[in-house]
């Protein structure tokens, strides 16, 4: 550890000549930094911090390759402070304590404040974050955390409350084009020694494939340029095929254990609820292409059928369960078609959440009246003693009545007249509504007669 020169990489030396292009082209100062204008533009948060040399703990949250670590180093250097770099992948409580001691020494001997740049901060466990907390609180170190994960999920609340969360965005097309051009021109750190030009199709492919990740686009660019032979004029003409070979698989921003996992499944579910098969199929494909477990998606499809279609179309649940079974039987990629079919069916089906709402109401009521006694006529009476006590007395067997139904009370006395289920006027459920209304009216008549007899 020690003070880190922004012109050096984190190991303390200049990036090796054979280091990946993305590492060699890492911005060394603010003038070379590209993107994040919503933070660095005039009057914006980071511009004000840099202009005024203010110290405040920051957590930089954004997708891979958007400049989090680089920006953190630039902030530390611009404020003329001591910088300690740690990666949470390798650092633990011991390294954190050593960093704190170094920060105390820097303050005592050189009157320098210390930034602690904690890369991948989401990888610190709770105990390690607890070790760091008091030193951030008392200002021994100012935290610069860099993370790809939602801080509200990964950072303990006390530490989060003492830092400003700064959200970085994926780099846009204009930014990425500027990064490509800079790398192609730079003869010292980039590819300037290998004159090259990209076809428009090749550039568009790299831009689309990068997912806003500068690291992906630079490393793909390097492979494409270096594997393309020069023509008679010494120019390497990178075409679409070379770009595709350099990035055999497009970068799909996704983390099966992180926020993006929940974002995408939420988008899929809400697209189904909103009856949009095109959007739903897109989100389904995004998740599958990113490597999500198809059986997890299949289970969520079953949930969608229950929560959002319900009795408006009981066949939706059949489709969903059969999709789960079909994928389990066929595997990938054939089974993915069953998931797509179920998704489309659910999108086009009539919607009702009445059972979902009714269940929620019933659960809340059960929690509030969990000690309500079962009416005597509904109790089981397996022994003579129970029969003498009135268990099962006056119970009426519904099948003995016309239509297999009669006006009877089945709830505890405290819940007489309380309704949980309200059918909607959609699909199959609409046909149940009038029947249920008539039955409830007869039960109400029964209750009214009982009330009159009591008086």
Protein backbone atom coordinates (compact mmCIF):
# COMPACT_ATOMS: atom_id res chain seq x y z
CA UNK A 1 0.00 0.00 0.00
CA UNK A 2 1.00 3.67 0.02
CA UNK A 3 0.34 6.78 -1.97
CA UNK A 4 -0.76 5.89 -5.45
CA UNK A 5 0.29 7.92 -8.44
CA UNK A 6 -2.64 8.29 -10.79
CA UNK A 7 -0.24 7.89 -13.69
CA UNK A 8 0.57 4.42 -12.44
CA UNK A 9 -1.55 1.34 -12.22
CA UNK A 10 -2.59 -0.11 -8.90
CA UNK A 11 0.50 -2.29 -8.58
CA UNK A 12 2.70 0.78 -8.55
CA UNK A 13 4.19 0.78 -12.06
CA UNK A 14 3.26 1.82 -15.56
CA UNK A 15 1.01 -0.72 -17.33
CA UNK A 16 3.14 -3.26 -19.15
CA UNK A 17 3.33 -3.02 -22.89
CA UNK A 18 1.60 -6.37 -23.15
CA UNK A 19 -1.18 -5.38 -20.74
CA UNK A 20 -4.69 -5.36 -22.25
CA UNK A 21 -5.53 -2.26 -24.23
CA UNK A 22 -8.25 -1.31 -21.73
CA UNK A 23 -5.63 -1.14 -18.95
CA UNK A 24 -3.10 0.77 -21.07
CA UNK A 25 -5.73 3.33 -22.11
CA UNK A 26 -7.02 3.94 -18.59
CA UNK A 27 -7.42 7.75 -18.20
CA UNK A 28 -4.61 9.30 -16.19
CA UNK A 29 -6.31 12.60 -15.38
CA UNK A 30 -9.66 14.32 -15.73
CA UNK A 31 -8.81 15.68 -19.18
CA UNK A 32 -8.64 12.14 -20.53
CA UNK A 33 -11.79 10.92 -18.82
CA UNK A 34 -14.74 10.30 -21.15
CA UNK A 35 -18.39 10.12 -20.15
CA UNK A 36 -20.48 10.68 -16.99
CA UNK A 37 -21.27 14.28 -17.92
CA UNK A 38 -24.25 14.16 -15.53
CA UNK A 39 -21.69 14.02 -12.72
CA UNK A 40 -18.75 15.95 -14.16
CA UNK A 41 -20.52 18.73 -16.05
CA UNK A 42 -20.44 22.32 -14.72
CA UNK A 43 -22.15 22.53 -11.37
CA UNK A 44 -22.63 18.77 -11.09
CA UNK A 45 -21.76 16.83 -7.94
CA UNK A 46 -18.31 15.49 -8.78
CA UNK A 47 -17.29 18.65 -10.62
CA UNK A 48 -18.07 20.65 -7.46
CA UNK A 49 -16.14 18.20 -5.29
CA UNK A 50 -13.11 18.39 -7.57
CA UNK A 51 -13.30 22.17 -8.01
CA UNK A 52 -13.53 22.85 -4.29
CA UNK A 53 -11.29 20.03 -3.12
CA UNK A 54 -13.97 18.84 -0.74
CA UNK A 55 -13.73 15.54 1.12
CA UNK A 56 -16.80 13.37 1.48
CA UNK A 57 -17.07 9.58 1.44
CA UNK A 58 -18.47 8.37 -1.87
CA UNK A 59 -19.73 5.07 -3.21
CA UNK A 60 -19.50 4.94 -6.99
CA UNK A 61 -22.14 2.55 -8.30
CA UNK A 62 -22.37 1.61 -11.95
CA UNK A 63 -22.06 -1.20 -14.50
CA UNK A 64 -18.70 -2.69 -15.51
CA UNK A 65 -16.44 -0.56 -17.67
CA UNK A 66 -18.09 2.81 -17.00
CA UNK A 67 -15.06 4.34 -15.21
CA UNK A 68 -15.76 3.85 -11.48
CA UNK A 69 -12.25 2.90 -10.36
CA UNK A 70 -10.56 5.36 -12.68
CA UNK A 71 -12.79 8.20 -11.53
CA UNK A 72 -12.11 7.34 -7.89
CA UNK A 73 -8.35 7.58 -8.49
CA UNK A 74 -8.76 10.90 -10.27
CA UNK A 75 -10.82 12.31 -7.37
CA UNK A 76 -8.14 11.28 -4.88
CA UNK A 77 -5.28 12.72 -6.91
CA UNK A 78 -7.12 15.95 -7.78
CA UNK A 79 -7.68 16.70 -4.09
CA UNK A 80 -3.93 16.34 -3.36
CA UNK A 81 -4.45 13.71 -0.73
CA UNK A 82 -3.01 10.40 0.33
CA UNK A 83 -4.55 7.46 -1.52
CA UNK A 84 -4.67 3.87 -0.38
CA UNK A 85 -5.98 1.32 -2.84
CA UNK A 86 -7.52 -1.95 -1.70
CA UNK A 87 -9.51 -4.52 -3.61
CA UNK A 88 -12.19 -6.25 -1.59
CA UNK A 89 -11.47 -9.38 -3.61
CA UNK A 90 -8.20 -9.78 -1.67
CA UNK A 91 -8.48 -7.42 1.31
CA UNK A 92 -9.90 -8.38 4.69
CA UNK A 93 -10.06 -6.95 8.20
CA UNK A 94 -6.27 -7.16 8.57
CA UNK A 95 -5.65 -5.07 5.45
CA UNK A 96 -8.32 -2.57 6.48
CA UNK A 97 -6.68 -2.07 9.89
CA UNK A 98 -3.28 -1.62 8.25
CA UNK A 99 -4.77 0.99 5.90
CA UNK A 100 -6.23 2.87 8.86
CA UNK A 101 -2.83 2.94 10.59
CA UNK A 102 -1.24 4.27 7.40
CA UNK A 103 -3.94 6.95 7.20
CA UNK A 104 -3.26 8.01 10.79
CA UNK A 105 0.45 8.27 10.03
CA UNK A 106 -0.18 10.35 6.89
CA UNK A 107 -2.31 12.76 8.90
CA UNK A 108 0.14 13.02 11.80
CA UNK A 109 3.38 13.35 9.83
CA UNK A 110 2.32 14.99 6.55
CA UNK A 111 -1.00 16.62 7.49
CA UNK A 112 -2.59 14.77 4.57
CA UNK A 113 -6.08 13.39 4.53
CA UNK A 114 -6.55 9.88 3.16
CA UNK A 115 -8.88 8.46 0.60
CA UNK A 116 -9.39 4.71 0.94
CA UNK A 117 -10.29 3.41 -2.50
CA UNK A 118 -12.09 0.11 -1.91
CA UNK A 119 -12.64 -1.55 -5.27
CA UNK A 120 -15.43 -4.14 -5.50
CA UNK A 121 -16.65 -2.96 -2.10
CA UNK A 122 -19.73 -5.17 -2.36
CA UNK A 123 -17.45 -8.16 -1.78
CA UNK A 124 -16.68 -7.08 1.79
CA UNK A 125 -18.68 -9.11 4.26
CA UNK A 126 -20.59 -7.51 7.14
CA UNK A 127 -17.80 -8.03 9.67
CA UNK A 128 -15.26 -6.39 7.35
CA UNK A 129 -17.60 -3.44 6.75
CA UNK A 130 -18.08 -3.13 10.51
CA UNK A 131 -14.29 -2.92 10.86
CA UNK A 132 -14.20 -0.04 8.39
CA UNK A 133 -17.22 1.85 9.75
CA UNK A 134 -15.79 3.70 12.80
CA UNK A 135 -12.81 5.01 10.84
CA UNK A 136 -15.07 6.42 8.12
CA UNK A 137 -17.30 7.88 10.81
CA UNK A 138 -14.50 9.74 12.59
CA UNK A 139 -12.84 10.91 9.36
CA UNK A 140 -9.59 8.95 9.66
CA UNK A 141 -10.27 7.76 6.13
CA UNK A 142 -12.64 9.01 3.45
CA UNK A 143 -14.15 6.12 1.57
CA UNK A 144 -14.17 5.82 -2.20
CA UNK A 145 -16.09 2.62 -2.81
CA UNK A 146 -16.54 1.23 -6.31
CA UNK A 147 -19.25 -1.36 -6.95
CA UNK A 148 -21.31 -2.90 -9.72
CA UNK A 149 -23.96 -4.03 -7.22
CA UNK A 150 -26.81 -2.05 -5.73
CA UNK A 151 -25.36 -0.53 -2.53
CA UNK A 152 -28.69 -0.81 -0.74
CA UNK A 153 -28.40 -4.58 -1.07
CA UNK A 154 -24.69 -5.02 -0.40
CA UNK A 155 -23.54 -2.22 1.95
CA UNK A 156 -24.53 -2.15 5.62
CA UNK A 157 -26.88 0.69 6.46
CA UNK A 158 -24.59 2.53 8.94
CA UNK A 159 -21.80 2.69 6.35
CA UNK A 160 -24.22 3.65 3.60
CA UNK A 161 -25.60 6.52 5.67
CA UNK A 162 -22.11 8.03 5.98
CA UNK A 163 -21.41 8.08 2.25
CA UNK A 164 -22.93 9.71 -0.81
CA UNK A 165 -24.01 7.18 -3.43
CA UNK A 166 -23.00 8.35 -6.91
CA UNK A 167 -24.70 6.53 -9.79
CA UNK A 168 -22.66 6.10 -12.98
CA UNK A 169 -24.36 5.25 -16.27
CA UNK A 170 -23.26 2.87 -19.05
CA UNK A 171 -21.22 4.77 -21.60
CA UNK A 172 -23.23 6.05 -24.53
CA UNK A 173 -22.50 5.62 -28.23
CA UNK A 174 -20.85 9.03 -28.57
CA UNK A 175 -18.54 8.30 -25.63
CA UNK A 176 -17.63 4.86 -26.93
CA UNK A 177 -16.82 6.20 -30.41
CA UNK A 178 -14.52 8.75 -28.81
CA UNK A 179 -12.80 5.96 -26.85
CA UNK A 180 -12.34 3.90 -30.02
CA UNK A 181 -10.86 6.85 -31.94
CA UNK A 182 -8.56 7.73 -29.06
CA UNK A 183 -7.23 4.16 -28.88
CA UNK A 184 -6.68 4.00 -32.65
CA UNK A 185 -4.73 7.29 -32.64
CA UNK A 186 -2.61 6.82 -29.51
CA UNK A 187 0.79 5.48 -30.58
CA UNK A 188 2.21 5.40 -27.04
CA UNK A 189 -0.43 3.40 -25.19
CA UNK A 190 -2.97 2.51 -27.85
CA UNK A 191 -2.98 1.04 -31.35
CA UNK A 192 -1.45 3.98 -33.20
CA UNK A 193 1.54 1.86 -34.23
CA UNK A 194 -0.87 -0.38 -36.14
CA UNK A 195 -2.73 1.97 -38.51
CA UNK A 196 -6.29 0.72 -38.79
CA UNK A 197 -9.71 1.79 -39.91
CA UNK A 198 -13.04 0.24 -39.00
CA UNK A 199 -15.91 -0.21 -41.41
CA UNK A 200 -19.16 1.35 -40.22
CA UNK A 201 -20.64 -2.14 -39.78
CA UNK A 202 -17.69 -3.26 -37.63
CA UNK A 203 -17.90 -0.18 -35.44
CA UNK A 204 -21.66 -0.55 -35.02
CA UNK A 205 -21.20 -4.18 -34.01
CA UNK A 206 -18.59 -3.34 -31.38
CA UNK A 207 -20.78 -0.56 -30.01
CA UNK A 208 -23.82 -2.81 -29.75
CA UNK A 209 -21.85 -5.73 -28.35
CA UNK A 210 -20.13 -3.75 -25.62
CA UNK A 211 -23.22 -3.02 -23.56
CA UNK A 212 -21.74 0.38 -22.66
CA UNK A 213 -18.60 -1.28 -21.24
CA UNK A 214 -15.40 0.51 -22.31
CA UNK A 215 -13.29 -2.45 -21.25
CA UNK A 216 -15.19 -4.84 -23.52
CA UNK A 217 -15.03 -2.52 -26.52
CA UNK A 218 -11.30 -1.77 -26.12
CA UNK A 219 -10.27 -5.38 -25.67
CA UNK A 220 -12.44 -6.41 -28.62
CA UNK A 221 -10.95 -3.61 -30.70
CA UNK A 222 -7.42 -4.73 -29.86
CA UNK A 223 -8.07 -8.32 -30.96
CA UNK A 224 -9.81 -7.18 -34.14
CA UNK A 225 -6.98 -4.83 -35.14
CA UNK A 226 -4.06 -7.10 -34.26
CA UNK A 227 -5.58 -10.14 -36.02
CA UNK A 228 -6.34 -8.23 -39.23
CA UNK A 229 -3.46 -8.25 -41.74
CA UNK A 230 -2.32 -4.94 -43.19
CA UNK A 231 -3.02 -4.16 -46.84
CA UNK A 232 -0.41 -2.97 -49.35
CA UNK A 233 -0.51 0.52 -47.82
CA UNK A 234 0.02 -0.82 -44.30
CA UNK A 235 -3.59 -0.20 -43.22
CA UNK A 236 -5.55 -2.81 -41.29
CA UNK A 237 -9.13 -2.70 -42.53
CA UNK A 238 -11.30 -4.15 -39.79
CA UNK A 239 -14.58 -5.43 -41.22
CA UNK A 240 -17.72 -6.84 -39.63
CA UNK A 241 -16.45 -10.43 -39.62
CA UNK A 242 -13.27 -9.43 -37.79
CA UNK A 243 -15.36 -7.58 -35.17
CA UNK A 244 -17.61 -10.60 -34.72
CA UNK A 245 -14.63 -12.92 -34.30
CA UNK A 246 -13.10 -10.54 -31.74
CA UNK A 247 -16.30 -10.69 -29.68
CA UNK A 248 -17.67 -14.17 -30.22
CA UNK A 249 -20.42 -13.50 -27.70
CA UNK A 250 -22.01 -10.15 -27.07
CA UNK A 251 -21.75 -8.73 -23.58
CA UNK A 252 -25.11 -9.08 -21.83
CA UNK A 253 -25.18 -7.00 -18.64
CA UNK A 254 -26.59 -9.35 -16.04
CA UNK A 255 -25.81 -10.73 -12.61
CA UNK A 256 -27.81 -13.73 -11.51
CA UNK A 257 -27.27 -12.85 -7.86
CA UNK A 258 -27.56 -9.07 -8.08
CA UNK A 259 -29.90 -6.22 -8.88
CA UNK A 260 -30.07 -6.83 -12.63
CA UNK A 261 -31.48 -10.30 -11.95
CA UNK A 262 -34.41 -8.72 -10.12
CA UNK A 263 -34.75 -5.89 -12.64
CA UNK A 264 -35.14 -8.26 -15.58
CA UNK A 265 -37.52 -10.71 -13.93
CA UNK A 266 -39.57 -7.70 -12.79
CA UNK A 267 -39.66 -6.39 -16.37
CA UNK A 268 -40.72 -9.81 -17.65
CA UNK A 269 -43.47 -10.17 -15.06
CA UNK A 270 -44.82 -6.66 -15.61
CA UNK A 271 -44.79 -7.11 -19.39
CA UNK A 272 -46.93 -10.25 -18.99
CA UNK A 273 -49.25 -8.41 -16.60
CA UNK A 274 -49.49 -5.60 -19.15
CA UNK A 275 -50.39 -8.10 -21.94
CA UNK A 276 -47.38 -7.19 -24.12
CA UNK A 277 -46.02 -10.40 -25.69
CA UNK A 278 -43.28 -8.60 -27.63
CA UNK A 279 -41.75 -6.98 -24.57
CA UNK A 280 -42.18 -10.16 -22.53
CA UNK A 281 -40.39 -12.28 -25.14
CA UNK A 282 -37.55 -9.75 -25.26
CA UNK A 283 -36.99 -9.87 -21.50
CA UNK A 284 -37.26 -13.65 -21.56
CA UNK A 285 -34.60 -13.82 -24.26
CA UNK A 286 -32.37 -11.37 -22.35
CA UNK A 287 -32.44 -13.57 -19.28
CA UNK A 288 -31.85 -16.78 -21.19
CA UNK A 289 -28.97 -15.31 -23.19
CA UNK A 290 -27.38 -14.04 -19.98
CA UNK A 291 -27.34 -17.56 -18.56
CA UNK A 292 -30.26 -17.41 -16.14
CA UNK A 293 -31.52 -20.81 -14.96
CA UNK A 294 -34.52 -21.55 -17.24
CA UNK A 295 -36.21 -23.52 -14.47
CA UNK A 296 -36.12 -20.40 -12.28
CA UNK A 297 -37.91 -18.53 -15.08
CA UNK A 298 -40.37 -21.43 -15.45
CA UNK A 299 -41.23 -21.25 -11.75
CA UNK A 300 -41.82 -17.51 -12.06
CA UNK A 301 -44.09 -18.14 -15.06
CA UNK A 302 -46.20 -20.41 -12.85
CA UNK A 303 -46.38 -17.58 -10.32
CA UNK A 304 -47.50 -15.15 -13.06
CA UNK A 305 -50.30 -17.52 -14.07
CA UNK A 306 -51.53 -17.64 -10.49
CA UNK A 307 -51.08 -13.98 -9.59
CA UNK A 308 -52.17 -12.17 -12.73
CA UNK A 309 -54.46 -14.51 -14.69
CA UNK A 310 -55.94 -16.74 -12.03
CA UNK A 311 -59.54 -17.82 -12.59
CA UNK A 312 -59.98 -15.48 -15.54
CA UNK A 313 -58.40 -18.36 -17.50
CA UNK A 314 -57.63 -21.49 -15.45
CA UNK A 315 -55.85 -22.96 -18.48
CA UNK A 316 -53.05 -20.42 -17.97
CA UNK A 317 -51.80 -22.40 -14.99
CA UNK A 318 -51.94 -25.57 -17.07
CA UNK A 319 -49.80 -23.89 -19.75
CA UNK A 320 -47.32 -22.64 -17.17
CA UNK A 321 -46.91 -25.96 -15.36
CA UNK A 322 -46.62 -27.81 -18.66
CA UNK A 323 -43.92 -25.36 -19.78
CA UNK A 324 -41.98 -26.19 -16.62
CA UNK A 325 -42.35 -29.92 -17.29
CA UNK A 326 -41.51 -29.55 -20.97
CA UNK A 327 -38.28 -27.72 -20.23
CA UNK A 328 -37.38 -30.25 -17.56
CA UNK A 329 -37.95 -33.00 -20.14
CA UNK A 330 -36.32 -31.38 -23.19
CA UNK A 331 -33.62 -29.17 -21.73
CA UNK A 332 -32.01 -26.35 -23.70
CA UNK A 333 -32.47 -25.04 -26.33
CA UNK A 334 -35.61 -26.96 -27.32
CA UNK A 335 -37.31 -26.46 -23.96
CA UNK A 336 -36.93 -22.70 -24.19
CA UNK A 337 -39.67 -22.69 -26.82
CA UNK A 338 -42.09 -24.03 -24.21
CA UNK A 339 -41.25 -21.08 -21.97
CA UNK A 340 -41.85 -18.69 -24.87
CA UNK A 341 -45.21 -20.31 -25.65
CA UNK A 342 -46.33 -20.03 -22.04
CA UNK A 343 -45.24 -16.39 -21.91
CA UNK A 344 -47.25 -15.51 -25.02
CA UNK A 345 -50.30 -17.40 -23.74
CA UNK A 346 -50.17 -15.57 -20.42
CA UNK A 347 -49.81 -12.21 -22.19
CA UNK A 348 -52.90 -12.84 -24.32
CA UNK A 349 -55.02 -14.36 -21.55
CA UNK A 350 -57.64 -12.27 -19.70
CA UNK A 351 -56.22 -10.92 -16.46
CA UNK A 352 -57.45 -11.18 -12.90
CA UNK A 353 -55.65 -10.84 -9.60
CA UNK A 354 -58.78 -11.44 -7.53
CA UNK A 355 -57.53 -14.72 -6.02
CA UNK A 356 -54.16 -13.10 -5.23
CA UNK A 357 -55.89 -10.19 -3.50
CA UNK A 358 -58.34 -12.50 -1.71
CA UNK A 359 -55.51 -14.66 -0.40
CA UNK A 360 -53.68 -11.59 0.88
CA UNK A 361 -56.80 -10.37 2.69
CA UNK A 362 -57.42 -13.81 4.16
CA UNK A 363 -53.84 -14.08 5.43
CA UNK A 364 -54.05 -10.68 7.12
CA UNK A 365 -57.36 -11.60 8.70
CA UNK A 366 -55.99 -14.95 9.89
CA UNK A 367 -53.07 -13.17 11.55
CA UNK A 368 -55.43 -10.79 13.32
CA UNK A 369 -57.95 -13.45 14.42
CA UNK A 370 -55.79 -16.56 14.72
CA UNK A 371 -57.53 -17.60 17.95
CA UNK A 372 -61.05 -17.62 16.48
CA UNK A 373 -62.66 -20.94 17.33
CA UNK A 374 -64.00 -23.32 14.69
CA UNK A 375 -67.83 -23.38 14.86
CA UNK A 376 -69.13 -26.57 16.49
CA UNK A 377 -71.03 -27.77 13.42
CA UNK A 378 -67.79 -27.73 11.36
CA UNK A 379 -65.68 -29.67 13.86
CA UNK A 380 -64.68 -33.27 13.40
CA UNK A 381 -66.25 -35.72 15.88
CA UNK A 382 -64.26 -38.98 15.87
CA UNK A 383 -65.17 -39.91 19.50
CA UNK A 384 -68.36 -40.22 21.51
CA UNK A 385 -67.25 -37.55 23.93
CA UNK A 386 -66.80 -35.06 21.12
CA UNK A 387 -70.28 -35.83 19.83
CA UNK A 388 -71.73 -35.24 23.30
CA UNK A 389 -69.98 -31.90 23.40
CA UNK A 390 -71.73 -30.90 20.17
CA UNK A 391 -68.90 -31.44 17.70
CA UNK A 392 -70.38 -31.78 14.19
CA UNK A 393 -73.93 -31.20 15.46
CA UNK A 394 -76.37 -29.86 12.86
CA UNK A 395 -73.79 -30.04 10.07
CA UNK A 396 -75.57 -30.19 6.73
CA UNK A 397 -73.99 -32.30 3.96
CA UNK A 398 -74.01 -30.03 0.88
CA UNK A 399 -74.45 -32.89 -1.59
CA UNK A 400 -77.84 -33.69 -0.07
CA UNK A 401 -79.22 -30.39 -1.33
CA UNK A 402 -80.29 -29.27 -4.80
CA UNK A 403 -77.33 -28.04 -6.82
CA UNK A 404 -74.95 -29.36 -4.16
CA UNK A 405 -75.18 -26.10 -2.22
CA UNK A 406 -77.04 -24.51 0.67
CA UNK A 407 -76.97 -21.29 2.61
CA UNK A 408 -74.69 -22.09 5.52
CA UNK A 409 -72.11 -20.34 7.69
CA UNK A 410 -68.54 -21.62 7.48
CA UNK A 411 -66.52 -18.81 9.09
CA UNK A 412 -65.97 -18.13 12.80
CA UNK A 413 -68.59 -15.87 14.35
CA UNK A 414 -66.18 -12.94 14.43
CA UNK A 415 -65.89 -13.06 10.63
CA UNK A 416 -69.56 -13.41 9.72
CA UNK A 417 -70.22 -11.37 6.59
CA UNK A 418 -66.54 -10.66 5.91
CA UNK A 419 -65.71 -11.11 2.21
CA UNK A 420 -62.23 -11.76 0.80
CA UNK A 421 -62.83 -12.85 -2.80
CA UNK A 422 -64.27 -10.43 -5.33
CA UNK A 423 -64.37 -11.89 -8.87
CA UNK A 424 -63.68 -9.66 -11.84
CA UNK A 425 -65.69 -9.26 -15.05
CA UNK A 426 -63.07 -11.00 -17.20
CA UNK A 427 -62.83 -14.42 -18.79
CA UNK A 428 -64.12 -17.46 -16.96
CA UNK A 429 -64.32 -15.52 -13.72
CA UNK A 430 -67.07 -13.32 -15.06
CA UNK A 431 -69.29 -16.41 -15.24
CA UNK A 432 -68.73 -17.12 -11.55
CA UNK A 433 -69.60 -13.62 -10.42
CA UNK A 434 -73.41 -13.75 -10.66
CA UNK A 435 -73.54 -17.24 -9.15
CA UNK A 436 -71.44 -16.11 -6.20
CA UNK A 437 -73.52 -12.95 -5.79
CA UNK A 438 -76.72 -15.00 -5.50
CA UNK A 439 -75.21 -17.40 -2.98
CA UNK A 440 -73.85 -14.59 -0.82
CA UNK A 441 -77.26 -12.91 -0.89
CA UNK A 442 -78.87 -16.07 0.50
CA UNK A 443 -76.22 -16.32 3.22
CA UNK A 444 -76.91 -12.70 4.14
CA UNK A 445 -80.62 -13.51 4.42
CA UNK A 446 -79.71 -16.33 6.79
CA UNK A 447 -77.61 -13.98 8.92
CA UNK A 448 -80.41 -11.39 9.01
CA UNK A 449 -82.90 -14.07 10.19
CA UNK A 450 -80.48 -15.15 12.94
CA UNK A 451 -80.06 -11.54 14.08
CA UNK A 452 -83.84 -11.05 14.24
CA UNK A 453 -84.32 -14.27 16.20
CA UNK A 454 -81.77 -13.08 18.76
CA UNK A 455 -83.65 -9.88 19.31
